[in-house]
N, C-alpha and C. Protein backbone atom coordinates (compact mmCIF):
# COMPACT_ATOMS: atom_id res chain seq x y z
N UNK A 1 0.85 -1.14 0.05
CA UNK A 1 -0.03 -0.02 -0.02
C UNK A 1 0.84 1.22 0.04
N UNK A 2 2.12 1.13 -0.09
CA UNK A 2 3.13 2.24 -0.02
C UNK A 2 3.21 2.87 -1.53
N UNK A 3 3.54 4.10 -1.62
CA UNK A 3 3.88 4.64 -2.79
C UNK A 3 5.25 4.32 -3.33
N UNK A 4 6.17 4.35 -2.48
CA UNK A 4 7.56 3.97 -2.79
C UNK A 4 8.09 2.95 -1.86
N UNK A 5 8.66 1.83 -2.24
CA UNK A 5 9.15 0.73 -1.34
C UNK A 5 10.71 0.69 -1.30
N UNK A 6 11.17 0.78 -0.10
CA UNK A 6 12.67 0.58 0.04
C UNK A 6 12.76 -0.55 0.85
N UNK A 7 13.75 -1.39 0.81
CA UNK A 7 14.02 -2.54 1.58
C UNK A 7 15.47 -2.84 2.00
N UNK A 8 15.69 -3.44 3.12
CA UNK A 8 17.06 -3.86 3.59
C UNK A 8 17.27 -5.08 2.82
N UNK A 9 18.57 -5.32 2.52
CA UNK A 9 18.93 -6.45 1.82
C UNK A 9 18.77 -7.73 2.66
N UNK A 10 18.36 -7.60 3.82
CA UNK A 10 18.06 -8.78 4.70
C UNK A 10 16.55 -9.06 4.60
N UNK A 11 15.71 -8.29 3.88
CA UNK A 11 14.26 -8.43 3.88
C UNK A 11 13.86 -9.50 2.95
N UNK A 12 12.69 -10.20 3.35
CA UNK A 12 12.09 -11.22 2.61
C UNK A 12 10.69 -10.93 2.38
N UNK A 13 10.09 -11.35 1.30
CA UNK A 13 8.73 -11.04 1.04
C UNK A 13 7.98 -12.19 0.61
N UNK A 14 6.68 -12.36 0.96
CA UNK A 14 5.89 -13.48 0.64
C UNK A 14 4.41 -13.19 0.78
N UNK A 15 3.62 -13.85 -0.09
CA UNK A 15 2.18 -13.82 0.02
C UNK A 15 1.83 -15.16 0.66
N UNK A 16 1.37 -15.22 1.94
CA UNK A 16 1.20 -16.47 2.45
C UNK A 16 -0.32 -16.73 2.63
N UNK A 17 -1.11 -15.86 2.03
CA UNK A 17 -2.66 -16.17 2.26
C UNK A 17 -3.02 -17.56 2.05
N UNK A 18 -2.68 -18.12 0.91
CA UNK A 18 -3.18 -19.52 0.51
C UNK A 18 -2.54 -20.53 1.48
N UNK A 19 -1.29 -20.37 2.05
CA UNK A 19 -0.74 -21.29 3.02
C UNK A 19 -1.45 -21.14 4.45
N UNK A 20 -1.84 -19.96 4.75
CA UNK A 20 -2.57 -19.75 5.96
C UNK A 20 -4.06 -20.11 5.85
N UNK A 21 -4.55 -20.18 4.66
CA UNK A 21 -5.94 -20.52 4.35
C UNK A 21 -6.98 -19.38 4.50
N UNK A 22 -6.46 -18.25 3.95
CA UNK A 22 -7.37 -17.07 3.88
C UNK A 22 -7.29 -16.51 2.65
N UNK A 23 -8.35 -15.64 2.21
CA UNK A 23 -8.30 -14.83 1.09
C UNK A 23 -7.87 -13.46 1.38
N UNK A 24 -7.06 -12.75 0.58
CA UNK A 24 -6.64 -11.48 0.83
C UNK A 24 -7.81 -10.57 0.80
N UNK A 25 -7.88 -9.49 1.49
CA UNK A 25 -8.99 -8.44 1.47
C UNK A 25 -8.64 -7.00 1.56
N UNK A 26 -7.21 -6.78 1.42
CA UNK A 26 -6.81 -5.35 1.46
C UNK A 26 -6.25 -5.04 0.02
N UNK A 27 -6.52 -5.78 -1.01
CA UNK A 27 -6.13 -5.47 -2.25
C UNK A 27 -4.99 -6.24 -2.86
N UNK A 28 -4.33 -7.09 -2.05
CA UNK A 28 -3.18 -8.00 -2.66
C UNK A 28 -3.46 -8.68 -3.83
N UNK A 29 -4.56 -9.23 -3.96
CA UNK A 29 -4.96 -10.07 -5.22
C UNK A 29 -5.08 -9.07 -6.43
N UNK A 30 -5.26 -7.88 -6.26
CA UNK A 30 -5.41 -7.05 -7.47
C UNK A 30 -4.18 -6.25 -7.61
N UNK A 31 -3.53 -5.75 -6.59
CA UNK A 31 -2.35 -4.88 -6.78
C UNK A 31 -1.09 -5.65 -7.09
N UNK A 32 -0.81 -6.84 -6.59
CA UNK A 32 0.30 -7.57 -6.74
C UNK A 32 0.57 -7.80 -8.30
N UNK A 33 -0.45 -8.30 -8.95
CA UNK A 33 -0.35 -8.71 -10.33
C UNK A 33 0.00 -7.51 -11.09
N UNK A 34 -0.54 -6.24 -10.76
CA UNK A 34 -0.32 -5.06 -11.48
C UNK A 34 1.00 -4.67 -11.30
N UNK A 35 1.66 -4.93 -10.14
CA UNK A 35 2.94 -4.43 -9.79
C UNK A 35 4.10 -5.28 -10.44
N UNK A 36 3.96 -6.67 -10.34
CA UNK A 36 5.06 -7.53 -10.70
C UNK A 36 4.74 -8.42 -12.01
N UNK A 37 3.50 -8.39 -12.40
CA UNK A 37 2.96 -9.22 -13.47
C UNK A 37 2.17 -10.40 -13.01
N UNK A 38 1.23 -10.87 -13.83
CA UNK A 38 0.27 -11.83 -13.39
C UNK A 38 1.05 -13.16 -13.10
N UNK A 39 1.91 -13.61 -13.94
CA UNK A 39 2.64 -14.92 -13.69
C UNK A 39 3.35 -14.89 -12.36
N UNK A 40 4.13 -13.85 -12.01
CA UNK A 40 4.93 -13.76 -10.96
C UNK A 40 4.03 -13.67 -9.75
N UNK A 41 3.01 -12.85 -9.77
CA UNK A 41 2.09 -12.75 -8.59
C UNK A 41 1.43 -14.08 -8.40
N UNK A 42 0.98 -14.77 -9.37
CA UNK A 42 0.43 -16.21 -9.25
C UNK A 42 1.45 -17.17 -8.49
N UNK A 43 2.69 -17.08 -9.03
CA UNK A 43 3.72 -17.94 -8.31
C UNK A 43 3.90 -17.65 -6.86
N UNK A 44 3.97 -16.36 -6.55
CA UNK A 44 4.04 -16.04 -5.08
C UNK A 44 2.76 -16.42 -4.28
N UNK A 45 1.76 -15.98 -4.90
CA UNK A 45 0.43 -16.29 -4.22
C UNK A 45 0.07 -17.80 -4.09
N UNK A 46 0.38 -18.48 -5.05
CA UNK A 46 -0.04 -19.97 -5.13
C UNK A 46 0.95 -20.87 -4.22
N UNK A 47 2.29 -20.33 -4.16
CA UNK A 47 3.23 -21.21 -3.43
C UNK A 47 3.48 -20.70 -2.05
N UNK A 48 3.27 -19.38 -1.75
CA UNK A 48 3.67 -18.82 -0.45
C UNK A 48 5.17 -18.87 -0.08
N UNK A 49 5.82 -18.96 -1.39
CA UNK A 49 7.35 -19.01 -1.15
C UNK A 49 7.85 -17.55 -0.84
N UNK A 50 8.97 -17.44 -0.23
CA UNK A 50 9.61 -16.20 0.12
C UNK A 50 10.57 -15.81 -1.01
N UNK A 51 10.51 -14.40 -1.25
CA UNK A 51 11.70 -13.75 -2.14
C UNK A 51 12.56 -13.02 -1.39
N UNK A 52 13.90 -13.23 -1.69
CA UNK A 52 14.82 -12.22 -1.19
C UNK A 52 14.73 -10.85 -1.67
N UNK A 53 15.35 -10.01 -1.02
CA UNK A 53 15.24 -8.48 -1.34
C UNK A 53 15.70 -8.17 -2.72
N UNK A 54 16.73 -8.81 -3.21
CA UNK A 54 17.32 -8.56 -4.57
C UNK A 54 16.37 -9.00 -5.64
N UNK A 55 15.81 -10.19 -5.50
CA UNK A 55 14.79 -10.61 -6.48
C UNK A 55 13.60 -9.68 -6.45
N UNK A 56 13.17 -9.27 -5.23
CA UNK A 56 12.01 -8.33 -5.13
C UNK A 56 12.32 -7.09 -5.85
N UNK A 57 13.57 -6.75 -5.78
CA UNK A 57 13.89 -5.38 -6.54
C UNK A 57 13.83 -5.69 -8.04
N UNK A 58 14.37 -6.82 -8.49
CA UNK A 58 14.48 -7.18 -9.88
C UNK A 58 13.07 -7.30 -10.42
N UNK A 59 12.16 -7.89 -9.69
CA UNK A 59 10.77 -8.06 -10.10
C UNK A 59 9.90 -6.79 -10.07
N UNK A 60 10.43 -5.68 -9.43
CA UNK A 60 9.67 -4.54 -9.29
C UNK A 60 8.81 -4.27 -8.12
N UNK A 61 8.98 -5.25 -7.16
CA UNK A 61 8.26 -5.32 -5.87
C UNK A 61 8.67 -4.14 -4.83
N UNK A 62 9.98 -3.91 -4.95
CA UNK A 62 10.65 -2.75 -4.22
C UNK A 62 11.29 -1.91 -5.19
N UNK A 63 11.45 -0.63 -4.73
CA UNK A 63 12.19 0.37 -5.69
C UNK A 63 13.69 0.15 -5.47
N UNK A 64 14.18 -0.03 -4.23
CA UNK A 64 15.66 -0.16 -4.05
C UNK A 64 15.94 -0.82 -2.86
N UNK A 65 17.08 -1.52 -2.76
CA UNK A 65 17.60 -2.33 -1.70
C UNK A 65 18.93 -1.75 -1.20
N UNK A 66 18.89 -1.69 0.18
CA UNK A 66 20.14 -1.13 0.93
C UNK A 66 20.58 -1.96 2.09
N UNK A 67 21.78 -1.86 2.36
CA UNK A 67 22.34 -2.50 3.55
C UNK A 67 21.56 -2.05 4.88
N UNK A 68 21.35 -2.75 5.80
CA UNK A 68 20.42 -2.34 6.91
C UNK A 68 20.84 -0.96 7.44
N UNK A 69 22.00 -0.71 7.62
CA UNK A 69 22.47 0.65 8.21
C UNK A 69 22.26 1.80 7.21
N UNK A 70 22.07 1.47 5.91
CA UNK A 70 21.93 2.58 4.95
C UNK A 70 20.41 2.89 4.67
N UNK A 71 19.54 1.97 5.22
CA UNK A 71 18.13 1.99 4.78
C UNK A 71 17.46 3.24 5.29
N UNK A 72 17.60 3.58 6.53
CA UNK A 72 16.96 4.76 7.10
C UNK A 72 17.51 6.05 6.51
N UNK A 73 18.76 6.17 6.42
CA UNK A 73 19.29 7.44 5.78
C UNK A 73 18.80 7.54 4.35
N UNK A 74 18.84 6.51 3.61
CA UNK A 74 18.32 6.63 2.21
C UNK A 74 16.80 6.97 2.21
N UNK A 75 16.03 6.35 3.02
CA UNK A 75 14.60 6.80 3.10
C UNK A 75 14.41 8.24 3.42
N UNK A 76 15.25 8.75 4.39
CA UNK A 76 15.18 10.17 4.72
C UNK A 76 15.54 11.04 3.58
N UNK A 77 16.69 10.64 2.90
CA UNK A 77 17.18 11.49 1.76
C UNK A 77 16.02 11.58 0.66
N UNK A 78 15.38 10.42 0.44
CA UNK A 78 14.39 10.31 -0.60
C UNK A 78 13.21 11.24 -0.19
N UNK A 79 12.86 11.16 1.05
CA UNK A 79 11.74 12.05 1.62
C UNK A 79 12.13 13.47 1.57
N UNK A 80 13.36 13.82 1.78
CA UNK A 80 13.78 15.29 1.64
C UNK A 80 13.78 15.74 0.28
N UNK A 81 14.08 14.94 -0.79
CA UNK A 81 13.99 15.25 -2.09
C UNK A 81 12.60 15.45 -2.47
N UNK A 82 11.61 14.74 -2.02
CA UNK A 82 10.25 14.84 -2.35
C UNK A 82 9.63 16.16 -1.74
N UNK A 83 9.96 16.49 -0.41
CA UNK A 83 9.45 17.70 0.14
C UNK A 83 9.94 19.00 -0.38
N UNK A 84 10.92 18.85 -1.37
CA UNK A 84 11.45 20.11 -2.05
C UNK A 84 10.47 20.37 -3.24
N UNK A 85 9.65 19.50 -3.49
CA UNK A 85 8.62 19.80 -4.70
C UNK A 85 7.45 20.42 -4.02
N UNK A 86 6.65 21.06 -4.94
CA UNK A 86 5.41 21.61 -4.57
C UNK A 86 4.45 20.55 -4.04
N UNK A 87 4.06 20.74 -2.74
CA UNK A 87 3.25 19.73 -2.09
C UNK A 87 1.82 19.58 -2.78
N UNK A 88 1.25 20.66 -3.14
CA UNK A 88 -0.09 20.63 -3.81
C UNK A 88 0.03 19.78 -5.01
N UNK A 89 1.08 20.12 -5.89
CA UNK A 89 1.26 19.37 -7.09
C UNK A 89 1.59 17.94 -6.87
N UNK A 90 2.34 17.65 -5.88
CA UNK A 90 2.69 16.24 -5.62
C UNK A 90 1.34 15.43 -5.40
N UNK A 91 0.51 16.07 -4.47
CA UNK A 91 -0.87 15.31 -4.16
C UNK A 91 -1.60 15.19 -5.44
N UNK A 92 -1.65 16.16 -6.27
CA UNK A 92 -2.37 16.13 -7.44
C UNK A 92 -1.78 14.95 -8.38
N UNK A 93 -0.55 14.95 -8.47
CA UNK A 93 0.24 13.86 -9.35
C UNK A 93 -0.02 12.53 -8.92
N UNK A 94 0.04 12.38 -7.49
CA UNK A 94 -0.36 11.17 -6.86
C UNK A 94 -1.67 10.66 -7.17
N UNK A 95 -2.73 11.59 -7.10
CA UNK A 95 -4.01 11.39 -7.44
C UNK A 95 -4.22 10.95 -8.88
N UNK A 96 -3.59 11.62 -9.79
CA UNK A 96 -3.83 11.22 -11.23
C UNK A 96 -3.24 9.87 -11.54
N UNK A 97 -2.07 9.56 -10.85
CA UNK A 97 -1.53 8.16 -11.07
C UNK A 97 -2.37 7.17 -10.46
N UNK A 98 -2.85 7.32 -9.31
CA UNK A 98 -3.63 6.43 -8.57
C UNK A 98 -5.04 6.20 -9.33
N UNK A 99 -5.62 7.32 -9.62
CA UNK A 99 -6.89 7.24 -10.29
C UNK A 99 -6.89 6.52 -11.81
N UNK A 100 -5.83 6.90 -12.42
CA UNK A 100 -5.60 6.32 -13.65
C UNK A 100 -5.34 4.92 -13.66
N UNK A 101 -4.68 4.30 -12.62
CA UNK A 101 -4.65 2.96 -12.47
C UNK A 101 -5.90 2.27 -12.32
N UNK A 102 -6.94 2.90 -11.82
CA UNK A 102 -8.15 2.32 -11.56
C UNK A 102 -9.07 2.23 -12.82
N UNK A 103 -8.57 2.77 -13.90
CA UNK A 103 -9.45 2.75 -15.11
C UNK A 103 -8.53 2.28 -16.33
N UNK A 104 -9.22 1.91 -17.49
CA UNK A 104 -8.52 1.62 -18.64
C UNK A 104 -7.40 2.64 -19.03
N UNK A 105 -6.32 2.22 -19.78
CA UNK A 105 -5.39 3.19 -20.27
C UNK A 105 -5.91 4.28 -20.93
N UNK A 106 -6.94 4.16 -21.88
CA UNK A 106 -7.50 5.21 -22.66
C UNK A 106 -8.11 6.47 -21.75
N UNK A 107 -8.86 5.89 -20.77
CA UNK A 107 -9.47 6.79 -19.82
C UNK A 107 -8.48 7.46 -18.90
N UNK A 108 -7.33 6.65 -18.48
CA UNK A 108 -6.40 7.28 -17.73
C UNK A 108 -5.62 8.42 -18.48
N UNK A 109 -5.45 8.20 -19.72
CA UNK A 109 -4.78 9.31 -20.62
C UNK A 109 -5.67 10.53 -20.65
N UNK A 110 -7.05 10.34 -20.75
CA UNK A 110 -7.92 11.41 -20.85
C UNK A 110 -7.93 12.14 -19.51
N UNK A 111 -7.87 11.37 -18.47
CA UNK A 111 -7.81 11.98 -17.01
C UNK A 111 -6.51 12.92 -16.94
N UNK A 112 -5.41 12.36 -17.44
CA UNK A 112 -4.11 13.16 -17.31
C UNK A 112 -4.33 14.33 -18.18
N UNK A 113 -4.78 14.41 -19.27
CA UNK A 113 -4.94 15.56 -20.17
C UNK A 113 -5.79 16.70 -19.44
N UNK A 114 -6.99 16.16 -18.92
CA UNK A 114 -7.87 17.04 -18.15
C UNK A 114 -7.14 17.62 -16.97
N UNK A 115 -6.52 16.94 -16.08
CA UNK A 115 -5.79 17.34 -14.91
C UNK A 115 -4.68 18.21 -15.32
N UNK A 116 -3.97 17.99 -16.40
CA UNK A 116 -2.79 18.85 -16.94
C UNK A 116 -3.45 20.24 -17.37
N UNK A 117 -4.44 20.23 -18.10
CA UNK A 117 -5.01 21.49 -18.50
C UNK A 117 -5.49 22.31 -17.24
N UNK A 118 -6.06 21.67 -16.27
CA UNK A 118 -6.54 22.35 -14.97
C UNK A 118 -5.40 22.92 -14.34
N UNK A 119 -4.26 22.19 -14.24
CA UNK A 119 -3.06 22.72 -13.51
C UNK A 119 -2.47 23.76 -14.27
N UNK A 120 -2.38 23.68 -15.66
CA UNK A 120 -1.78 24.67 -16.53
C UNK A 120 -2.34 26.08 -16.43
N UNK A 121 -3.61 26.06 -16.00
CA UNK A 121 -4.36 27.38 -15.92
C UNK A 121 -3.90 28.09 -14.56
N UNK A 122 -3.26 27.35 -13.69
CA UNK A 122 -2.73 27.92 -12.43
C UNK A 122 -1.34 28.37 -12.40
N UNK A 123 -0.52 28.26 -13.50
CA UNK A 123 0.88 28.62 -13.60
C UNK A 123 1.03 29.58 -14.68
N UNK A 124 2.15 30.27 -14.56
CA UNK A 124 2.48 31.22 -15.75
C UNK A 124 3.63 30.68 -16.43
N UNK A 125 4.05 31.07 -17.74
CA UNK A 125 5.12 30.60 -18.41
C UNK A 125 6.42 31.03 -17.67
N UNK A 126 6.49 32.16 -16.92
CA UNK A 126 7.59 32.62 -16.23
C UNK A 126 7.88 31.62 -15.20
N UNK A 127 6.88 31.10 -14.42
CA UNK A 127 6.88 30.25 -13.31
C UNK A 127 7.55 28.98 -13.76
N UNK A 128 7.01 28.42 -14.99
CA UNK A 128 7.64 27.22 -15.49
C UNK A 128 9.04 27.43 -15.94
N UNK A 129 9.34 28.49 -16.60
CA UNK A 129 10.76 28.78 -17.10
C UNK A 129 11.65 28.90 -15.74
N UNK A 130 11.37 29.60 -14.78
CA UNK A 130 12.14 29.62 -13.54
C UNK A 130 12.43 28.22 -13.03
N UNK A 131 11.30 27.52 -12.89
CA UNK A 131 11.49 26.04 -12.42
C UNK A 131 12.28 25.17 -13.24
N UNK A 132 12.21 25.47 -14.57
CA UNK A 132 13.03 24.61 -15.63
C UNK A 132 14.37 24.84 -15.36
N UNK A 133 14.90 26.14 -15.17
CA UNK A 133 16.23 26.51 -14.83
C UNK A 133 16.71 25.88 -13.64
N UNK A 134 15.96 25.82 -12.62
CA UNK A 134 16.36 25.30 -11.34
C UNK A 134 16.46 23.71 -11.56
N UNK A 135 15.64 23.12 -12.21
CA UNK A 135 15.65 21.63 -12.48
C UNK A 135 16.91 21.29 -13.31
N UNK A 136 17.27 22.01 -14.25
CA UNK A 136 18.39 21.86 -15.06
C UNK A 136 19.75 21.89 -14.32
N UNK A 137 19.68 22.97 -13.49
CA UNK A 137 20.93 23.09 -12.56
C UNK A 137 21.07 21.87 -11.57
N UNK A 138 19.91 21.53 -11.08
CA UNK A 138 19.87 20.36 -10.14
C UNK A 138 20.38 19.10 -10.82
N UNK A 139 19.86 18.84 -11.99
CA UNK A 139 20.28 17.70 -12.89
C UNK A 139 21.78 17.63 -13.19
N UNK A 140 22.28 18.82 -13.37
CA UNK A 140 23.73 18.98 -13.58
C UNK A 140 24.54 18.59 -12.33
N UNK A 141 24.20 19.03 -11.27
CA UNK A 141 24.66 18.83 -9.93
C UNK A 141 24.56 17.32 -9.57
N UNK A 142 23.49 16.71 -10.04
CA UNK A 142 23.37 15.27 -9.60
C UNK A 142 24.35 14.35 -10.50
N UNK A 143 24.56 14.80 -11.62
CA UNK A 143 25.39 13.85 -12.53
C UNK A 143 26.92 14.08 -12.27
N UNK A 144 27.26 14.97 -11.44
CA UNK A 144 28.65 15.13 -11.14
C UNK A 144 29.08 14.21 -9.88
């Protein structure tokens, strides 16, 4: 249920519903297959086998894997990077991604166009140009 998943290289992941004898009811049966693909989701769900962190990363279950001592600093750094973005825009961006996933691709694309036009009405060309310059400089700093 998280937006971004970071894991320790010691972490293990499993869907044990079938092993325990219960049906999932918080969305796992629908979200896991969308996240890692139908065949992989069925493999995990039907076997109850555990995945190591590196496999979970390779399959797209987690974004990144860190040594245990590096996990919290990495999470804090990522959070710091996110809070430097406009919070209203981030909430809107999250909403359009999440809402788009709940509909067919065509409807999701239409939703994006609608939300983009709504947002564009709230910014000026000068605002965007100033932000573009800042982003370009940030990108240069990150690549060094």
